[in-house]
Amino acid sequence: MSRLRRSNDNLFYLFVISLIAGSYWSMINPIYQPFMLSLGISISTMGLLEALRGRIGLLSTLSQLLGGVLADKYGRKRLIIVCSIVTLLALIFHLLAALLKNVQLLIIGSLILALAWIGTPAWNAMTMESTDRCRRGFALSLVWFASIAPSIVLSPIGGWLVENYGYRLVFFYRNLYGNHLPCPNITTSKGKFRKKYYFKL
C-alpha cells in the first residue's frame, strides 16, 4: 500500500513539474524565431541552427540517444537534474542575448539548449516506472497533457508580452519561474533501471 501511494506521489510530482515547464515553454516557443530574427540572424543561419538544435536536429537527436544510456547507468533522477541545469544555463544565455542584443550569445544558448534533450528518455522512463504496467499509457498521456495544455492560454499571452514589453521580460520570467531542480521532490531513491514496475523505495 505504501509502495502504491508513493508511486502515485511520483506521478503527481511529475504532473506538476510538467505543468510548470509547459507554462513557460508555451510562452517561449511562439516567439523564439521572431526573437532570433530581431537580433539580425539570417533565415539561412536560422535554418542551420534548426538542423543542429531543433526538436529533430542533430544535437537533440544525439542527446536523447546518449540520455537513454546514461539514465540506465546513473539513474533517472540524476539525468533530469542535469537536464534542468543545462536548460537554465541555456536560457541565461538567451536572456543575456536579449539584454545585450548579442547574436553570439544567442547561438551559444541555442546550441546548449539542444543538449537539454538528454533528459527526455529519463523523464519518460520515470513516468512509466511510477505506475504499474496496465496504467503506463495513462501516466504518459497525463504528464504530456500537463506539458501541452498551458499553451492554449499562455502562447497568446507570450506574444502579447513581447509586443508590449519586449523579449527580455519573457526570458526573465522563464529564468525566475523555471529556476527549479524538481527531482529531489520525487520519492525514488536513485531511479535506476529495475525489473520491478515501481522504483525501489
Protein backbone atom coordinates (compact mmCIF):
# COMPACT_ATOMS: atom_id res chain seq x y z
CA MET A 1 0.00 0.00 0.00
CA SER A 2 2.86 2.33 0.91
CA ARG A 3 4.57 1.48 -2.37
CA LEU A 4 1.42 2.27 -4.33
CA ARG A 5 0.91 5.59 -2.54
CA ARG A 6 4.49 6.68 -3.11
CA SER A 7 4.31 5.70 -6.75
CA ASN A 8 1.21 7.87 -7.09
CA ASP A 9 3.17 10.67 -5.38
CA ASN A 10 5.84 10.28 -8.08
CA LEU A 11 3.22 10.69 -10.78
CA PHE A 12 1.70 13.71 -9.03
CA TYR A 13 5.09 15.46 -8.85
CA LEU A 14 5.80 14.64 -12.49
CA PHE A 15 2.40 16.10 -13.44
CA VAL A 16 3.05 19.32 -11.51
CA ILE A 17 6.57 19.73 -12.91
CA SER A 18 5.26 19.16 -16.45
CA LEU A 19 2.59 21.80 -15.85
CA ILE A 20 5.20 24.33 -14.70
CA ALA A 21 7.56 23.54 -17.58
CA GLY A 22 4.71 23.66 -20.08
CA SER A 23 3.70 27.07 -18.77
CA TYR A 24 6.96 28.82 -19.57
CA TRP A 25 7.71 26.90 -22.78
CA SER A 26 4.24 27.85 -24.03
CA MET A 27 5.32 31.48 -23.81
CA ILE A 28 8.75 30.98 -25.36
CA ASN A 29 8.01 28.67 -28.30
CA PRO A 30 5.79 31.06 -30.32
CA ILE A 31 8.23 33.96 -30.02
CA TYR A 32 11.50 32.07 -30.45
CA GLN A 33 12.01 32.53 -34.18
CA PRO A 34 10.92 36.20 -34.15
CA PHE A 35 13.41 36.68 -31.31
CA MET A 36 16.20 35.24 -33.44
CA LEU A 37 15.24 37.47 -36.36
CA SER A 38 15.13 40.53 -34.10
CA LEU A 39 18.82 40.04 -33.32
CA GLY A 40 19.71 40.03 -37.01
CA ILE A 41 20.12 36.32 -37.70
CA SER A 42 19.57 35.48 -41.36
CA ILE A 43 16.99 32.93 -42.49
CA SER A 44 19.75 30.61 -43.73
CA THR A 45 21.55 30.74 -40.37
CA MET A 46 18.27 30.07 -38.61
CA GLY A 47 17.77 27.01 -40.80
CA LEU A 48 21.27 25.78 -39.95
CA LEU A 49 20.61 26.24 -36.24
CA GLU A 50 17.32 24.40 -36.56
CA ALA A 51 19.14 21.48 -38.20
CA LEU A 52 21.57 21.42 -35.28
CA ARG A 53 19.38 22.23 -32.27
CA GLY A 54 15.76 21.81 -33.36
CA ARG A 55 13.44 19.18 -31.94
CA ILE A 56 14.61 16.72 -34.60
CA GLY A 57 18.02 18.30 -35.12
CA LEU A 58 21.42 16.64 -34.87
CA LEU A 59 22.34 17.63 -31.30
CA SER A 60 18.83 16.99 -29.99
CA THR A 61 18.76 13.51 -31.52
CA LEU A 62 22.22 12.53 -30.26
CA SER A 63 21.43 13.94 -26.81
CA GLN A 64 18.39 11.70 -26.49
CA LEU A 65 20.35 8.65 -27.64
CA LEU A 66 23.06 9.35 -25.06
CA GLY A 67 20.48 10.23 -22.41
CA GLY A 68 18.85 6.81 -22.54
CA VAL A 69 22.17 5.06 -21.98
CA LEU A 70 23.17 7.37 -19.11
CA ALA A 71 19.74 7.12 -17.47
CA ASP A 72 20.07 3.33 -17.26
CA LYS A 73 23.61 3.59 -15.94
CA TYR A 74 23.39 6.51 -13.49
CA GLY A 75 19.69 6.82 -12.73
CA ARG A 76 16.71 8.80 -14.00
CA LYS A 77 16.84 11.46 -11.32
CA ARG A 78 20.44 12.45 -11.99
CA LEU A 79 19.81 12.86 -15.71
CA ILE A 80 16.74 15.03 -15.13
CA ILE A 81 18.71 17.22 -12.72
CA VAL A 82 21.43 17.59 -15.36
CA CYS A 83 18.71 18.48 -17.89
CA SER A 84 17.37 21.20 -15.56
CA ILE A 85 20.83 22.70 -15.08
CA VAL A 86 21.57 22.67 -18.82
CA THR A 87 18.20 24.28 -19.60
CA LEU A 88 18.74 27.01 -17.02
CA LEU A 89 22.24 27.73 -18.35
CA ALA A 90 20.97 27.90 -21.94
CA LEU A 91 18.17 30.32 -21.11
CA ILE A 92 20.50 32.54 -19.10
CA PHE A 93 22.45 32.92 -22.36
CA HIS A 94 19.17 33.76 -24.11
CA LEU A 95 18.35 36.40 -21.50
CA LEU A 96 21.83 37.93 -21.88
CA ALA A 97 21.40 37.88 -25.66
CA ALA A 98 18.13 39.78 -25.30
CA LEU A 99 19.67 42.29 -22.90
CA LEU A 100 22.85 42.86 -24.89
CA LYS A 101 21.36 42.22 -28.35
CA ASN A 102 24.22 39.81 -29.00
CA VAL A 103 23.85 37.17 -31.72
CA GLN A 104 26.82 35.09 -30.50
CA LEU A 105 25.23 34.64 -27.06
CA LEU A 106 22.01 33.54 -28.73
CA ILE A 107 23.78 30.93 -30.86
CA ILE A 108 25.65 29.56 -27.83
CA GLY A 109 22.46 29.41 -25.79
CA SER A 110 20.57 27.78 -28.64
CA LEU A 111 23.14 25.01 -29.03
CA ILE A 112 23.31 24.40 -25.28
CA LEU A 113 19.53 24.18 -25.19
CA ALA A 114 19.65 21.28 -27.65
CA LEU A 115 21.66 19.30 -25.10
CA ALA A 116 18.75 19.53 -22.65
CA TRP A 117 17.04 16.75 -24.62
CA ILE A 118 19.39 14.41 -22.75
CA GLY A 119 16.76 14.24 -20.01
CA THR A 120 13.83 13.14 -22.22
CA PRO A 121 14.42 9.35 -22.06
CA ALA A 122 14.90 9.52 -18.27
CA TRP A 123 11.74 11.59 -17.89
CA ASN A 124 9.62 9.16 -19.93
CA ALA A 125 11.11 6.13 -18.17
CA MET A 126 10.49 7.66 -14.76
CA THR A 127 6.88 8.35 -15.70
CA MET A 128 6.25 4.78 -16.80
CA GLU A 129 8.04 3.30 -13.80
CA SER A 130 5.90 5.38 -11.45
CA THR A 131 2.85 3.22 -12.12
CA ASP A 132 2.01 -0.38 -12.91
CA ARG A 133 2.13 -1.86 -16.39
CA CYS A 134 -1.57 -1.55 -17.19
CA ARG A 135 -1.61 2.22 -16.44
CA ARG A 136 1.58 3.31 -18.21
CA GLY A 137 -0.23 4.69 -21.23
CA PHE A 138 -2.46 6.77 -18.98
CA ALA A 139 0.53 8.01 -16.96
CA LEU A 140 2.38 9.16 -20.07
CA SER A 141 -0.70 10.84 -21.54
CA LEU A 142 -1.37 12.63 -18.23
CA VAL A 143 2.16 14.02 -17.98
CA TRP A 144 2.26 15.04 -21.65
CA PHE A 145 -1.17 16.66 -21.33
CA ALA A 146 0.16 18.76 -18.43
CA SER A 147 3.07 19.97 -20.56
CA ILE A 148 0.92 20.91 -23.57
CA ALA A 149 -2.33 22.23 -22.07
CA PRO A 150 -0.91 25.58 -20.80
CA SER A 151 -0.17 26.64 -24.39
CA ILE A 152 -3.89 27.17 -25.00
CA VAL A 153 -3.79 30.21 -22.73
CA LEU A 154 -0.14 31.17 -22.37
CA SER A 155 1.01 31.17 -26.02
CA PRO A 156 -1.14 34.25 -26.84
CA ILE A 157 -0.01 35.85 -23.57
CA GLY A 158 3.65 35.31 -24.54
CA GLY A 159 3.07 37.04 -27.87
CA TRP A 160 1.25 39.93 -26.18
CA LEU A 161 4.05 40.40 -23.63
CA VAL A 162 6.67 40.56 -26.37
CA GLU A 163 4.67 43.10 -28.38
CA ASN A 164 4.19 45.36 -25.37
CA TYR A 165 7.27 44.78 -23.19
CA GLY A 166 9.89 43.06 -25.35
CA TYR A 167 11.64 39.71 -25.34
CA ARG A 168 13.60 40.34 -22.16
CA LEU A 169 10.55 40.06 -19.94
CA VAL A 170 9.63 36.59 -21.28
CA PHE A 171 13.14 35.18 -20.78
CA PHE A 172 13.45 36.83 -17.39
CA TYR A 173 10.13 35.29 -16.40
CA ARG A 174 11.32 31.87 -17.55
CA ASN A 175 14.55 32.07 -15.55
CA LEU A 176 12.70 33.31 -12.46
CA TYR A 177 9.71 30.97 -12.67
CA GLY A 178 11.51 27.95 -14.10
CA ASN A 179 14.60 28.07 -11.89
CA HIS A 180 13.92 24.78 -10.17
CA LEU A 181 15.50 21.39 -9.76
CA PRO A 182 12.42 19.23 -9.46
CA CYS A 183 13.90 15.81 -8.84
CA PRO A 184 14.59 15.98 -5.09
CA ASN A 185 10.80 16.09 -4.62
CA ILE A 186 10.35 12.75 -6.38
CA THR A 187 10.32 9.89 -3.91
CA THR A 188 12.54 7.48 -5.83
CA SER A 189 15.94 6.88 -4.21
CA LYS A 190 18.13 6.55 -7.31
CA GLY A 191 15.74 5.91 -10.18
CA LYS A 192 17.99 3.29 -11.76
CA PHE A 193 16.53 0.68 -14.08
CA ARG A 194 15.00 -2.26 -12.25
CA LYS A 195 12.95 -5.25 -13.31
CA LYS A 196 10.11 -4.23 -10.99
CA TYR A 197 7.47 -1.81 -12.22
CA TYR A 198 7.98 0.55 -9.29
CA PHE A 199 11.02 2.36 -8.01
CA LYS A 200 12.82 0.74 -5.12
CA LEU A 201 11.72 2.67 -2.06
